[in-house]
Amino acid sequence: MSVTERGFAVETGALGPIPSGTSILLTGDDTDALEAVFHGFVAPDTDESSVVLATDLTGRSVQRSLDDARRQSDERSYVLTAEGRGGSNVETIDDLSDLTRLGMEFSSLVATSQQDAERFRTGILLCSELCQAVEDTRSVYRFLNSSFLTDLRRGDGIGVCALNTDDDVGGDANSIVSGLKTSFSVHIEVEKTGVREAELTVDGLPDAQETVTVSL
């Protein structure tokens, strides 16, 4: 079995290994549940790295959450953040609305991470914050297709884009989700069903159950 065929393991076994090149749109109306599921998908395994664009969390906070999801994964995690200060494997950006610069810096971090490990996981938390920052949400679609999703086509990786449907996204949330779904291979809806539990409704992942219950 080649490295690419092996897929990317997730803690939720019911989802099965995720094939390389898979792009996942993660949506829901509870930020805590979205963040927990997101970190579970993006936390890198021992032979992988991860690159996260964080819109409202500090880089160290993201690294700690990734480490909670998979031990010692913070050491292999790179974060581009709009909050807090830079640090070890953490870079900052001042203007979320400058999607051209954002795309260049994000892709540069992906390239840097591949110097440590060819296999990678990328993520955006939260894409809804990008929609708020720009005047025209169509520019977010262009950013995703020209940068975030392109990186997946060029390498051995998976990508997860999380969007809170309860945020002000500069338009109708359902319409924006419908538009984004056309660019992603998988859509997972996250519904919080308990204090430490959520239900995932999965569309587009062949080896996964349609509905999966996960611990948060």
N, C-alpha and C. Protein backbone atom coordinates (compact mmCIF):
# COMPACT_ATOMS: atom_id res chain seq x y z
N MET A 1 0.85 -1.20 0.00
CA MET A 1 0.00 0.00 0.00
C MET A 1 0.88 1.24 0.00
N SER A 2 0.63 2.16 -0.92
CA SER A 2 1.42 3.38 -0.99
C SER A 2 1.00 4.33 0.13
N VAL A 3 1.82 5.36 0.37
CA VAL A 3 1.50 6.34 1.40
C VAL A 3 0.18 7.02 1.08
N THR A 4 -0.02 7.38 -0.21
CA THR A 4 -1.22 8.08 -0.60
C THR A 4 -2.46 7.22 -0.40
N GLU A 5 -2.35 5.91 -0.68
CA GLU A 5 -3.48 5.01 -0.53
C GLU A 5 -3.84 4.77 0.93
N ARG A 6 -2.89 5.02 1.83
CA ARG A 6 -3.11 4.71 3.23
C ARG A 6 -4.20 5.58 3.85
N GLY A 7 -4.35 6.78 3.37
CA GLY A 7 -5.35 7.67 3.92
C GLY A 7 -4.89 8.30 5.23
N PHE A 8 -5.75 9.16 5.77
CA PHE A 8 -5.45 9.89 6.99
C PHE A 8 -6.38 9.44 8.10
N ALA A 9 -5.79 8.92 9.17
CA ALA A 9 -6.58 8.38 10.27
C ALA A 9 -7.21 9.50 11.09
N VAL A 10 -8.43 9.25 11.56
CA VAL A 10 -9.09 10.15 12.50
C VAL A 10 -9.50 9.35 13.71
N GLU A 11 -9.64 10.05 14.84
CA GLU A 11 -9.95 9.34 16.09
C GLU A 11 -11.29 8.64 16.02
N THR A 12 -12.21 9.18 15.23
CA THR A 12 -13.53 8.56 15.07
C THR A 12 -13.43 7.46 14.03
N GLY A 13 -13.29 6.24 14.46
CA GLY A 13 -13.09 5.12 13.55
C GLY A 13 -14.22 4.91 12.57
N ALA A 14 -15.43 5.34 12.94
CA ALA A 14 -16.58 5.14 12.07
C ALA A 14 -16.45 5.93 10.77
N LEU A 15 -15.56 6.93 10.74
CA LEU A 15 -15.36 7.69 9.51
C LEU A 15 -14.34 7.03 8.59
N GLY A 16 -13.56 6.10 9.12
CA GLY A 16 -12.58 5.41 8.30
C GLY A 16 -11.43 6.32 7.92
N PRO A 17 -10.36 5.77 7.33
CA PRO A 17 -9.26 6.61 6.84
C PRO A 17 -9.78 7.56 5.76
N ILE A 18 -9.33 8.80 5.81
CA ILE A 18 -9.77 9.80 4.83
C ILE A 18 -8.76 9.83 3.68
N PRO A 19 -9.22 9.64 2.44
CA PRO A 19 -8.29 9.61 1.31
C PRO A 19 -7.53 10.92 1.12
N SER A 20 -6.30 10.82 0.68
CA SER A 20 -5.51 12.01 0.37
C SER A 20 -6.22 12.83 -0.70
N GLY A 21 -6.16 14.15 -0.56
CA GLY A 21 -6.81 15.04 -1.50
C GLY A 21 -8.21 15.43 -1.11
N THR A 22 -8.74 14.82 -0.04
CA THR A 22 -10.11 15.11 0.39
C THR A 22 -10.21 16.51 1.00
N SER A 23 -11.22 17.24 0.57
CA SER A 23 -11.51 18.57 1.14
C SER A 23 -12.84 18.49 1.87
N ILE A 24 -12.85 18.92 3.12
CA ILE A 24 -14.03 18.78 3.98
C ILE A 24 -14.56 20.14 4.39
N LEU A 25 -15.83 20.37 4.12
CA LEU A 25 -16.53 21.55 4.62
C LEU A 25 -17.27 21.15 5.88
N LEU A 26 -16.89 21.77 6.99
CA LEU A 26 -17.46 21.45 8.31
C LEU A 26 -18.37 22.60 8.71
N THR A 27 -19.65 22.32 8.91
CA THR A 27 -20.58 23.39 9.26
C THR A 27 -21.38 23.04 10.51
N GLY A 28 -21.86 24.07 11.19
CA GLY A 28 -22.67 23.88 12.39
C GLY A 28 -22.90 25.22 13.06
N ASP A 29 -23.78 25.24 14.07
CA ASP A 29 -24.10 26.50 14.73
C ASP A 29 -23.57 26.60 16.16
N ASP A 30 -22.69 25.67 16.53
CA ASP A 30 -22.09 25.71 17.87
C ASP A 30 -20.58 25.75 17.72
N THR A 31 -19.97 26.88 18.10
CA THR A 31 -18.54 27.07 17.89
C THR A 31 -17.70 26.05 18.64
N ASP A 32 -18.04 25.76 19.90
CA ASP A 32 -17.26 24.81 20.69
C ASP A 32 -17.25 23.42 20.05
N ALA A 33 -18.41 22.98 19.57
CA ALA A 33 -18.49 21.67 18.91
C ALA A 33 -17.70 21.67 17.62
N LEU A 34 -17.83 22.74 16.83
CA LEU A 34 -17.07 22.85 15.58
C LEU A 34 -15.57 22.79 15.84
N GLU A 35 -15.11 23.54 16.84
CA GLU A 35 -13.69 23.58 17.14
C GLU A 35 -13.17 22.20 17.56
N ALA A 36 -13.93 21.50 18.40
CA ALA A 36 -13.49 20.18 18.88
C ALA A 36 -13.39 19.19 17.72
N VAL A 37 -14.39 19.17 16.86
CA VAL A 37 -14.37 18.25 15.72
C VAL A 37 -13.25 18.65 14.75
N PHE A 38 -13.12 19.94 14.50
CA PHE A 38 -12.07 20.45 13.62
C PHE A 38 -10.69 19.99 14.07
N HIS A 39 -10.38 20.20 15.35
CA HIS A 39 -9.05 19.83 15.85
C HIS A 39 -8.82 18.32 15.75
N GLY A 40 -9.87 17.54 15.93
CA GLY A 40 -9.74 16.09 15.79
C GLY A 40 -9.36 15.67 14.38
N PHE A 41 -9.88 16.40 13.39
CA PHE A 41 -9.55 16.09 11.99
C PHE A 41 -8.16 16.58 11.60
N VAL A 42 -7.77 17.73 12.10
CA VAL A 42 -6.56 18.41 11.61
C VAL A 42 -5.30 18.03 12.40
N ALA A 43 -5.44 17.50 13.62
CA ALA A 43 -4.26 17.12 14.41
C ALA A 43 -3.43 16.09 13.65
N PRO A 44 -2.15 16.37 13.42
CA PRO A 44 -1.33 15.49 12.59
C PRO A 44 -0.84 14.23 13.32
N ASP A 45 -0.71 13.17 12.56
CA ASP A 45 -0.12 11.94 13.08
C ASP A 45 1.41 12.11 13.09
N THR A 46 2.12 11.07 13.52
CA THR A 46 3.56 11.20 13.74
C THR A 46 4.36 11.48 12.47
N ASP A 47 3.85 11.07 11.30
CA ASP A 47 4.57 11.30 10.05
C ASP A 47 3.91 12.39 9.22
N GLU A 48 3.19 13.29 9.89
CA GLU A 48 2.45 14.35 9.21
C GLU A 48 2.73 15.71 9.88
N SER A 49 2.34 16.76 9.19
CA SER A 49 2.33 18.10 9.77
C SER A 49 0.93 18.69 9.57
N SER A 50 0.66 19.79 10.26
CA SER A 50 -0.61 20.47 10.04
C SER A 50 -0.38 21.96 9.93
N VAL A 51 -1.25 22.62 9.15
CA VAL A 51 -1.19 24.06 8.97
C VAL A 51 -2.60 24.60 9.15
N VAL A 52 -2.78 25.52 10.09
CA VAL A 52 -4.11 26.04 10.41
C VAL A 52 -4.14 27.56 10.25
N LEU A 53 -5.15 28.05 9.56
CA LEU A 53 -5.45 29.47 9.55
C LEU A 53 -6.50 29.71 10.62
N ALA A 54 -6.13 30.43 11.68
CA ALA A 54 -7.04 30.69 12.80
C ALA A 54 -7.46 32.15 12.77
N THR A 55 -8.77 32.40 12.71
CA THR A 55 -9.25 33.76 12.57
C THR A 55 -9.51 34.45 13.91
N ASP A 56 -9.81 33.68 14.95
CA ASP A 56 -10.11 34.33 16.24
C ASP A 56 -9.54 33.60 17.44
N LEU A 57 -8.53 32.76 17.21
CA LEU A 57 -7.83 32.08 18.30
C LEU A 57 -6.34 32.35 18.16
N THR A 58 -5.62 32.41 19.28
CA THR A 58 -4.18 32.57 19.22
C THR A 58 -3.53 31.29 18.70
N GLY A 59 -2.32 31.44 18.18
CA GLY A 59 -1.62 30.28 17.66
C GLY A 59 -1.36 29.24 18.73
N ARG A 60 -0.97 29.68 19.92
CA ARG A 60 -0.68 28.72 20.99
C ARG A 60 -1.94 27.99 21.43
N SER A 61 -3.08 28.69 21.44
CA SER A 61 -4.34 28.05 21.79
C SER A 61 -4.68 26.93 20.80
N VAL A 62 -4.47 27.20 19.51
CA VAL A 62 -4.73 26.18 18.50
C VAL A 62 -3.79 24.99 18.69
N GLN A 63 -2.52 25.26 18.93
CA GLN A 63 -1.55 24.18 19.12
C GLN A 63 -1.91 23.32 20.33
N ARG A 64 -2.37 23.94 21.41
CA ARG A 64 -2.77 23.18 22.59
C ARG A 64 -3.97 22.28 22.28
N SER A 65 -4.92 22.80 21.53
CA SER A 65 -6.11 22.02 21.19
C SER A 65 -5.75 20.85 20.27
N LEU A 66 -4.83 21.08 19.36
CA LEU A 66 -4.37 19.99 18.50
C LEU A 66 -3.66 18.92 19.32
N ASP A 67 -2.88 19.36 20.31
CA ASP A 67 -2.17 18.43 21.17
C ASP A 67 -3.14 17.63 22.04
N ASP A 68 -4.25 18.25 22.44
CA ASP A 68 -5.29 17.53 23.18
C ASP A 68 -5.92 16.44 22.31
N ALA A 69 -6.06 16.75 21.03
CA ALA A 69 -6.68 15.78 20.11
C ALA A 69 -5.74 14.63 19.77
N ARG A 70 -4.44 14.92 19.67
CA ARG A 70 -3.44 13.88 19.39
C ARG A 70 -2.15 14.30 20.05
N ARG A 71 -1.67 13.53 20.99
CA ARG A 71 -0.53 13.92 21.82
C ARG A 71 0.71 14.24 20.99
N GLN A 72 1.37 15.33 21.38
CA GLN A 72 2.60 15.83 20.77
C GLN A 72 2.42 16.33 19.34
N SER A 73 1.17 16.48 18.91
CA SER A 73 0.95 17.00 17.56
C SER A 73 1.24 18.49 17.47
N ASP A 74 1.27 19.19 18.61
CA ASP A 74 1.56 20.62 18.57
C ASP A 74 2.96 20.89 18.03
N GLU A 75 3.86 19.94 18.20
CA GLU A 75 5.23 20.12 17.72
C GLU A 75 5.32 20.08 16.20
N ARG A 76 4.28 19.53 15.55
CA ARG A 76 4.27 19.41 14.09
C ARG A 76 3.20 20.29 13.47
N SER A 77 2.76 21.31 14.22
CA SER A 77 1.65 22.15 13.79
C SER A 77 2.09 23.60 13.57
N TYR A 78 1.70 24.14 12.43
CA TYR A 78 1.99 25.52 12.08
C TYR A 78 0.68 26.30 12.06
N VAL A 79 0.71 27.53 12.57
CA VAL A 79 -0.51 28.32 12.66
C VAL A 79 -0.27 29.72 12.11
N LEU A 80 -1.19 30.15 11.25
CA LEU A 80 -1.25 31.53 10.78
C LEU A 80 -2.49 32.14 11.43
N THR A 81 -2.29 33.15 12.27
CA THR A 81 -3.40 33.64 13.08
C THR A 81 -3.56 35.15 13.01
N ALA A 82 -4.81 35.57 13.21
CA ALA A 82 -5.12 37.00 13.27
C ALA A 82 -5.17 37.49 14.71
N GLU A 83 -4.90 36.61 15.66
CA GLU A 83 -4.98 36.95 17.08
C GLU A 83 -3.64 36.67 17.77
N GLY A 84 -3.31 37.52 18.75
CA GLY A 84 -2.13 37.27 19.57
C GLY A 84 -0.82 37.55 18.85
N ARG A 85 0.25 36.97 19.40
CA ARG A 85 1.59 37.21 18.90
C ARG A 85 2.14 35.97 18.19
N GLY A 86 3.20 36.20 17.40
CA GLY A 86 3.89 35.10 16.77
C GLY A 86 4.70 34.31 17.79
N GLY A 87 5.21 33.17 17.39
CA GLY A 87 5.98 32.33 18.28
C GLY A 87 6.50 31.13 17.53
N SER A 88 6.77 30.06 18.24
CA SER A 88 7.28 28.84 17.63
C SER A 88 6.24 28.26 16.68
N ASN A 89 6.55 28.24 15.39
CA ASN A 89 5.66 27.75 14.34
C ASN A 89 4.35 28.54 14.27
N VAL A 90 4.37 29.78 14.76
CA VAL A 90 3.18 30.64 14.72
C VAL A 90 3.53 31.94 14.02
N GLU A 91 2.75 32.28 12.99
CA GLU A 91 2.90 33.56 12.30
C GLU A 91 1.58 34.32 12.39
N THR A 92 1.67 35.64 12.33
CA THR A 92 0.47 36.46 12.47
C THR A 92 0.18 37.24 11.19
N ILE A 93 -1.08 37.59 11.02
CA ILE A 93 -1.52 38.42 9.91
C ILE A 93 -2.46 39.48 10.46
N ASP A 94 -2.33 40.71 9.95
CA ASP A 94 -3.09 41.83 10.50
C ASP A 94 -4.48 41.98 9.89
N ASP A 95 -4.61 41.68 8.61
CA ASP A 95 -5.83 42.01 7.88
C ASP A 95 -6.43 40.77 7.22
N LEU A 96 -7.52 40.27 7.79
CA LEU A 96 -8.18 39.09 7.21
C LEU A 96 -8.82 39.38 5.87
N SER A 97 -9.09 40.64 5.59
CA SER A 97 -9.75 40.97 4.32
C SER A 97 -8.78 40.94 3.14
N ASP A 98 -7.47 40.94 3.42
CA ASP A 98 -6.46 40.88 2.36
C ASP A 98 -6.24 39.42 1.99
N LEU A 99 -7.17 38.87 1.21
CA LEU A 99 -7.13 37.44 0.93
C LEU A 99 -5.97 37.04 0.02
N THR A 100 -5.49 37.98 -0.79
CA THR A 100 -4.34 37.67 -1.65
C THR A 100 -3.11 37.38 -0.80
N ARG A 101 -2.83 38.28 0.13
CA ARG A 101 -1.68 38.07 1.02
C ARG A 101 -1.91 36.85 1.90
N LEU A 102 -3.13 36.69 2.37
CA LEU A 102 -3.47 35.55 3.23
C LEU A 102 -3.17 34.24 2.50
N GLY A 103 -3.59 34.16 1.24
CA GLY A 103 -3.35 32.95 0.46
C GLY A 103 -1.87 32.67 0.26
N MET A 104 -1.09 33.72 0.01
CA MET A 104 0.34 33.55 -0.21
C MET A 104 1.02 33.06 1.07
N GLU A 105 0.67 33.67 2.20
CA GLU A 105 1.31 33.28 3.46
C GLU A 105 0.89 31.88 3.90
N PHE A 106 -0.37 31.56 3.65
CA PHE A 106 -0.84 30.22 4.01
C PHE A 106 -0.12 29.15 3.18
N SER A 107 -0.06 29.36 1.87
CA SER A 107 0.62 28.39 1.00
C SER A 107 2.10 28.28 1.34
N SER A 108 2.71 29.40 1.74
CA SER A 108 4.11 29.37 2.15
C SER A 108 4.30 28.51 3.39
N LEU A 109 3.36 28.60 4.34
CA LEU A 109 3.44 27.76 5.54
C LEU A 109 3.27 26.29 5.20
N VAL A 110 2.37 25.99 4.26
CA VAL A 110 2.19 24.60 3.82
C VAL A 110 3.49 24.06 3.24
N ALA A 111 4.15 24.87 2.40
CA ALA A 111 5.43 24.46 1.83
C ALA A 111 6.49 24.26 2.91
N THR A 112 6.50 25.14 3.91
CA THR A 112 7.45 25.01 5.01
C THR A 112 7.20 23.73 5.80
N SER A 113 5.93 23.44 6.05
CA SER A 113 5.59 22.24 6.82
C SER A 113 6.02 20.97 6.09
N GLN A 114 6.00 20.99 4.77
CA GLN A 114 6.36 19.81 3.99
C GLN A 114 7.86 19.52 4.02
N GLN A 115 8.63 20.47 4.50
CA GLN A 115 10.05 20.20 4.70
C GLN A 115 10.25 19.24 5.87
N ASP A 116 9.30 19.23 6.79
CA ASP A 116 9.36 18.31 7.93
C ASP A 116 8.67 16.99 7.63
N ALA A 117 7.55 17.05 6.90
CA ALA A 117 6.78 15.85 6.58
C ALA A 117 6.00 16.10 5.30
N GLU A 118 6.07 15.17 4.35
CA GLU A 118 5.38 15.37 3.08
C GLU A 118 3.87 15.34 3.25
N ARG A 119 3.39 14.50 4.17
CA ARG A 119 1.95 14.40 4.40
C ARG A 119 1.50 15.54 5.32
N PHE A 120 0.37 16.14 4.98
CA PHE A 120 -0.07 17.30 5.77
C PHE A 120 -1.59 17.35 5.88
N ARG A 121 -2.03 18.07 6.91
CA ARG A 121 -3.44 18.38 7.12
C ARG A 121 -3.54 19.90 7.24
N THR A 122 -4.47 20.49 6.51
CA THR A 122 -4.65 21.93 6.58
C THR A 122 -6.06 22.24 7.07
N GLY A 123 -6.24 23.44 7.63
CA GLY A 123 -7.56 23.80 8.11
C GLY A 123 -7.76 25.29 8.23
N ILE A 124 -9.02 25.71 8.12
CA ILE A 124 -9.41 27.10 8.33
C ILE A 124 -10.46 27.13 9.44
N LEU A 125 -10.16 27.90 10.48
CA LEU A 125 -11.06 27.99 11.63
C LEU A 125 -11.13 29.47 12.06
N LEU A 126 -12.14 30.20 11.71
CA LEU A 126 -13.39 29.80 11.06
C LEU A 126 -13.51 30.56 9.74
N CYS A 127 -14.03 29.88 8.73
CA CYS A 127 -14.24 30.52 7.43
C CYS A 127 -15.31 31.60 7.51
N SER A 128 -16.23 31.45 8.44
CA SER A 128 -17.29 32.46 8.62
C SER A 128 -16.70 33.82 8.98
N GLU A 129 -15.56 33.83 9.68
CA GLU A 129 -14.89 35.09 10.02
C GLU A 129 -14.33 35.75 8.76
N LEU A 130 -13.87 34.95 7.81
CA LEU A 130 -13.40 35.51 6.54
C LEU A 130 -14.55 36.15 5.78
N CYS A 131 -15.70 35.49 5.80
CA CYS A 131 -16.88 36.03 5.11
C CYS A 131 -17.29 37.37 5.71
N GLN A 132 -17.13 37.51 7.03
CA GLN A 132 -17.45 38.77 7.69
C GLN A 132 -16.47 39.87 7.31
N ALA A 133 -15.23 39.50 7.08
CA ALA A 133 -14.16 40.49 6.88
C ALA A 133 -14.16 41.12 5.50
N VAL A 134 -14.74 40.45 4.52
CA VAL A 134 -14.68 40.93 3.14
C VAL A 134 -16.01 41.57 2.73
N GLU A 135 -15.95 42.39 1.69
CA GLU A 135 -17.15 43.06 1.19
C GLU A 135 -17.99 42.13 0.32
N ASP A 136 -17.33 41.22 -0.39
CA ASP A 136 -18.01 40.33 -1.32
C ASP A 136 -17.58 38.89 -1.01
N THR A 137 -18.52 38.06 -0.57
CA THR A 137 -18.16 36.69 -0.19
C THR A 137 -17.63 35.87 -1.36
N ARG A 138 -17.86 36.33 -2.58
CA ARG A 138 -17.31 35.59 -3.73
C ARG A 138 -15.79 35.59 -3.70
N SER A 139 -15.19 36.59 -3.06
CA SER A 139 -13.73 36.62 -2.95
C SER A 139 -13.22 35.49 -2.05
N VAL A 140 -14.06 35.06 -1.09
CA VAL A 140 -13.69 33.92 -0.24
C VAL A 140 -13.66 32.64 -1.06
N TYR A 141 -14.65 32.47 -1.96
CA TYR A 141 -14.65 31.30 -2.83
C TYR A 141 -13.37 31.28 -3.68
N ARG A 142 -12.99 32.45 -4.20
CA ARG A 142 -11.78 32.51 -5.03
C ARG A 142 -10.54 32.19 -4.21
N PHE A 143 -10.48 32.70 -2.99
CA PHE A 143 -9.35 32.40 -2.10
C PHE A 143 -9.24 30.90 -1.85
N LEU A 144 -10.36 30.26 -1.55
CA LEU A 144 -10.36 28.82 -1.28
C LEU A 144 -9.89 28.03 -2.49
N ASN A 145 -10.37 28.39 -3.66
CA ASN A 145 -10.04 27.62 -4.86
C ASN A 145 -8.63 27.90 -5.38
N SER A 146 -8.14 29.12 -5.15
CA SER A 146 -6.82 29.46 -5.69
C SER A 146 -5.68 29.13 -4.72
N SER A 147 -6.00 28.93 -3.45
CA SER A 147 -4.95 28.68 -2.45
C SER A 147 -5.21 27.42 -1.66
N PHE A 148 -6.20 27.46 -0.79
CA PHE A 148 -6.45 26.36 0.14
C PHE A 148 -6.66 25.03 -0.57
N LEU A 149 -7.56 24.99 -1.54
CA LEU A 149 -7.86 23.73 -2.23
C LEU A 149 -6.76 23.36 -3.22
N THR A 150 -6.08 24.35 -3.77
CA THR A 150 -4.99 24.07 -4.70
C THR A 150 -3.83 23.35 -4.00
N ASP A 151 -3.55 23.73 -2.76
CA ASP A 151 -2.49 23.06 -2.01
C ASP A 151 -2.76 21.56 -1.88
N LEU A 152 -4.04 21.20 -1.75
CA LEU A 152 -4.40 19.77 -1.63
C LEU A 152 -4.14 19.03 -2.93
N ARG A 153 -4.37 19.70 -4.04
CA ARG A 153 -4.17 19.06 -5.35
C ARG A 153 -2.70 18.84 -5.65
N ARG A 154 -1.85 19.65 -5.02
CA ARG A 154 -0.41 19.58 -5.32
C ARG A 154 0.34 18.61 -4.42
N GLY A 155 -0.25 18.22 -3.30
CA GLY A 155 0.49 17.39 -2.35
C GLY A 155 -0.35 16.28 -1.77
N ASP A 156 0.23 15.61 -0.79
CA ASP A 156 -0.41 14.48 -0.12
C ASP A 156 -1.01 14.98 1.18
N GLY A 157 -2.28 15.43 1.10
CA GLY A 157 -2.88 16.01 2.29
C GLY A 157 -4.39 16.03 2.25
N ILE A 158 -4.98 16.47 3.35
CA ILE A 158 -6.42 16.70 3.43
C ILE A 158 -6.64 18.10 3.99
N GLY A 159 -7.81 18.68 3.73
CA GLY A 159 -8.11 20.02 4.21
C GLY A 159 -9.49 20.10 4.82
N VAL A 160 -9.62 20.88 5.89
CA VAL A 160 -10.89 21.05 6.60
C VAL A 160 -11.18 22.53 6.76
N CYS A 161 -12.34 22.96 6.30
CA CYS A 161 -12.76 24.35 6.41
C CYS A 161 -14.01 24.40 7.27
N ALA A 162 -13.92 25.06 8.44
CA ALA A 162 -15.04 25.10 9.38
C ALA A 162 -15.77 26.44 9.27
N LEU A 163 -17.11 26.38 9.22
CA LEU A 163 -17.93 27.57 9.11
C LEU A 163 -19.08 27.51 10.10
N ASN A 164 -19.20 28.55 10.92
CA ASN A 164 -20.29 28.62 11.90
C ASN A 164 -21.49 29.28 11.22
N THR A 165 -22.56 28.52 11.03
CA THR A 165 -23.73 29.03 10.33
C THR A 165 -24.53 30.02 11.17
N ASP A 166 -24.18 30.14 12.45
CA ASP A 166 -24.87 31.09 13.33
C ASP A 166 -24.20 32.46 13.33
N ASP A 167 -23.02 32.56 12.69
CA ASP A 167 -22.32 33.84 12.59
C ASP A 167 -22.93 34.70 11.50
N ASP A 168 -22.66 35.99 11.58
CA ASP A 168 -23.03 36.91 10.51
C ASP A 168 -22.02 36.74 9.38
N VAL A 169 -22.44 36.08 8.32
CA VAL A 169 -21.51 35.76 7.22
C VAL A 169 -21.68 36.68 6.02
N GLY A 170 -22.36 37.80 6.22
CA GLY A 170 -22.51 38.76 5.13
C GLY A 170 -23.51 38.34 4.08
N GLY A 171 -24.43 37.49 4.45
CA GLY A 171 -25.45 37.01 3.52
C GLY A 171 -26.19 35.85 4.14
N ASP A 172 -27.02 35.20 3.35
CA ASP A 172 -27.77 34.05 3.84
C ASP A 172 -26.83 32.87 4.03
N ALA A 173 -26.78 32.35 5.26
CA ALA A 173 -25.83 31.28 5.59
C ALA A 173 -26.08 30.03 4.74
N ASN A 174 -27.34 29.68 4.52
CA ASN A 174 -27.65 28.49 3.74
C ASN A 174 -27.15 28.63 2.30
N SER A 175 -27.29 29.83 1.73
CA SER A 175 -26.82 30.06 0.36
C SER A 175 -25.30 29.96 0.28
N ILE A 176 -24.63 30.50 1.30
CA ILE A 176 -23.17 30.46 1.31
C ILE A 176 -22.68 29.03 1.46
N VAL A 177 -23.33 28.26 2.33
CA VAL A 177 -22.95 26.85 2.50
C VAL A 177 -23.18 26.10 1.19
N SER A 178 -24.30 26.34 0.54
CA SER A 178 -24.59 25.67 -0.74
C SER A 178 -23.53 26.01 -1.78
N GLY A 179 -23.10 27.28 -1.81
CA GLY A 179 -22.06 27.68 -2.75
C GLY A 179 -20.72 27.03 -2.44
N LEU A 180 -20.37 26.97 -1.16
CA LEU A 180 -19.10 26.36 -0.77
C LEU A 180 -19.07 24.86 -1.04
N LYS A 181 -20.21 24.20 -0.85
CA LYS A 181 -20.27 22.75 -1.03
C LYS A 181 -19.85 22.32 -2.43
N THR A 182 -20.03 23.19 -3.42
CA THR A 182 -19.66 22.82 -4.79
C THR A 182 -18.15 22.70 -4.96
N SER A 183 -17.38 23.33 -4.05
CA SER A 183 -15.92 23.29 -4.16
C SER A 183 -15.28 22.20 -3.31
N PHE A 184 -16.05 21.62 -2.38
CA PHE A 184 -15.51 20.62 -1.46
C PHE A 184 -16.03 19.23 -1.81
N SER A 185 -15.20 18.23 -1.54
CA SER A 185 -15.59 16.86 -1.86
C SER A 185 -16.46 16.23 -0.78
N VAL A 186 -16.39 16.77 0.46
CA VAL A 186 -17.14 16.20 1.58
C VAL A 186 -17.78 17.34 2.37
N HIS A 187 -19.02 17.11 2.81
CA HIS A 187 -19.69 18.06 3.70
C HIS A 187 -20.08 17.32 4.98
N ILE A 188 -19.68 17.85 6.12
CA ILE A 188 -20.04 17.27 7.41
C ILE A 188 -20.73 18.33 8.25
N GLU A 189 -21.96 18.04 8.63
CA GLU A 189 -22.71 18.95 9.49
C GLU A 189 -22.57 18.49 10.94
N VAL A 190 -22.23 19.43 11.82
CA VAL A 190 -21.99 19.13 13.22
C VAL A 190 -23.15 19.67 14.06
N GLU A 191 -23.80 18.79 14.78
CA GLU A 191 -24.89 19.20 15.67
C GLU A 191 -24.57 18.76 17.09
N LYS A 192 -24.47 19.70 17.99
CA LYS A 192 -24.19 19.38 19.38
C LYS A 192 -25.42 18.74 20.01
N THR A 193 -25.27 17.54 20.56
CA THR A 193 -26.42 16.80 21.11
C THR A 193 -26.32 16.61 22.62
N GLY A 194 -25.21 17.01 23.22
CA GLY A 194 -25.02 16.88 24.66
C GLY A 194 -23.86 17.74 25.10
N VAL A 195 -23.60 17.76 26.39
CA VAL A 195 -22.53 18.59 26.92
C VAL A 195 -21.20 18.23 26.29
N ARG A 196 -20.95 16.94 26.11
CA ARG A 196 -19.68 16.47 25.54
C ARG A 196 -19.92 15.53 24.36
N GLU A 197 -20.96 15.81 23.58
CA GLU A 197 -21.31 14.91 22.50
C GLU A 197 -21.87 15.68 21.30
N ALA A 198 -21.58 15.19 20.11
CA ALA A 198 -22.11 15.79 18.89
C ALA A 198 -22.43 14.70 17.88
N GLU A 199 -23.36 15.03 16.99
CA GLU A 199 -23.71 14.12 15.90
C GLU A 199 -23.22 14.71 14.59
N LEU A 200 -22.51 13.89 13.82
CA LEU A 200 -22.00 14.32 12.53
C LEU A 200 -22.85 13.69 11.43
N THR A 201 -23.34 14.52 10.53
CA THR A 201 -24.05 14.04 9.35
C THR A 201 -23.10 14.18 8.17
N VAL A 202 -22.72 13.04 7.59
CA VAL A 202 -21.63 12.98 6.62
C VAL A 202 -22.15 12.76 5.21
N ASP A 203 -21.66 13.60 4.28
CA ASP A 203 -22.04 13.46 2.87
C ASP A 203 -20.78 13.52 2.02
N GLY A 204 -20.51 12.43 1.28
CA GLY A 204 -19.40 12.44 0.33
C GLY A 204 -18.19 11.63 0.73
N LEU A 205 -18.21 11.01 1.90
CA LEU A 205 -17.08 10.19 2.36
C LEU A 205 -17.48 8.73 2.22
N PRO A 206 -16.97 8.03 1.21
CA PRO A 206 -17.47 6.70 0.85
C PRO A 206 -17.46 5.67 1.97
N ASP A 207 -16.40 5.63 2.78
CA ASP A 207 -16.26 4.58 3.78
C ASP A 207 -16.87 4.94 5.13
N ALA A 208 -17.52 6.08 5.21
CA ALA A 208 -18.05 6.54 6.48
C ALA A 208 -19.54 6.24 6.62
N GLN A 209 -19.98 6.06 7.87
CA GLN A 209 -21.38 5.97 8.12
C GLN A 209 -22.02 7.34 7.86
N GLU A 210 -23.31 7.34 7.52
CA GLU A 210 -23.98 8.60 7.22
C GLU A 210 -24.13 9.49 8.45
N THR A 211 -24.35 8.86 9.60
CA THR A 211 -24.50 9.59 10.85
C THR A 211 -23.55 8.99 11.87
N VAL A 212 -22.76 9.84 12.51
CA VAL A 212 -21.75 9.38 13.46
C VAL A 212 -21.85 10.22 14.73
N THR A 213 -21.85 9.56 15.89
CA THR A 213 -21.83 10.26 17.17
C THR A 213 -20.40 10.31 17.69
N VAL A 214 -19.96 11.50 18.09
CA VAL A 214 -18.59 11.67 18.56
C VAL A 214 -18.58 12.35 19.93
N SER A 215 -17.52 12.09 20.69
CA SER A 215 -17.32 12.77 21.97
C SER A 215 -16.54 14.05 21.72
N LEU A 216 -16.84 15.09 22.48
CA LEU A 216 -16.18 16.37 22.33
C LEU A 216 -15.14 16.59 23.43
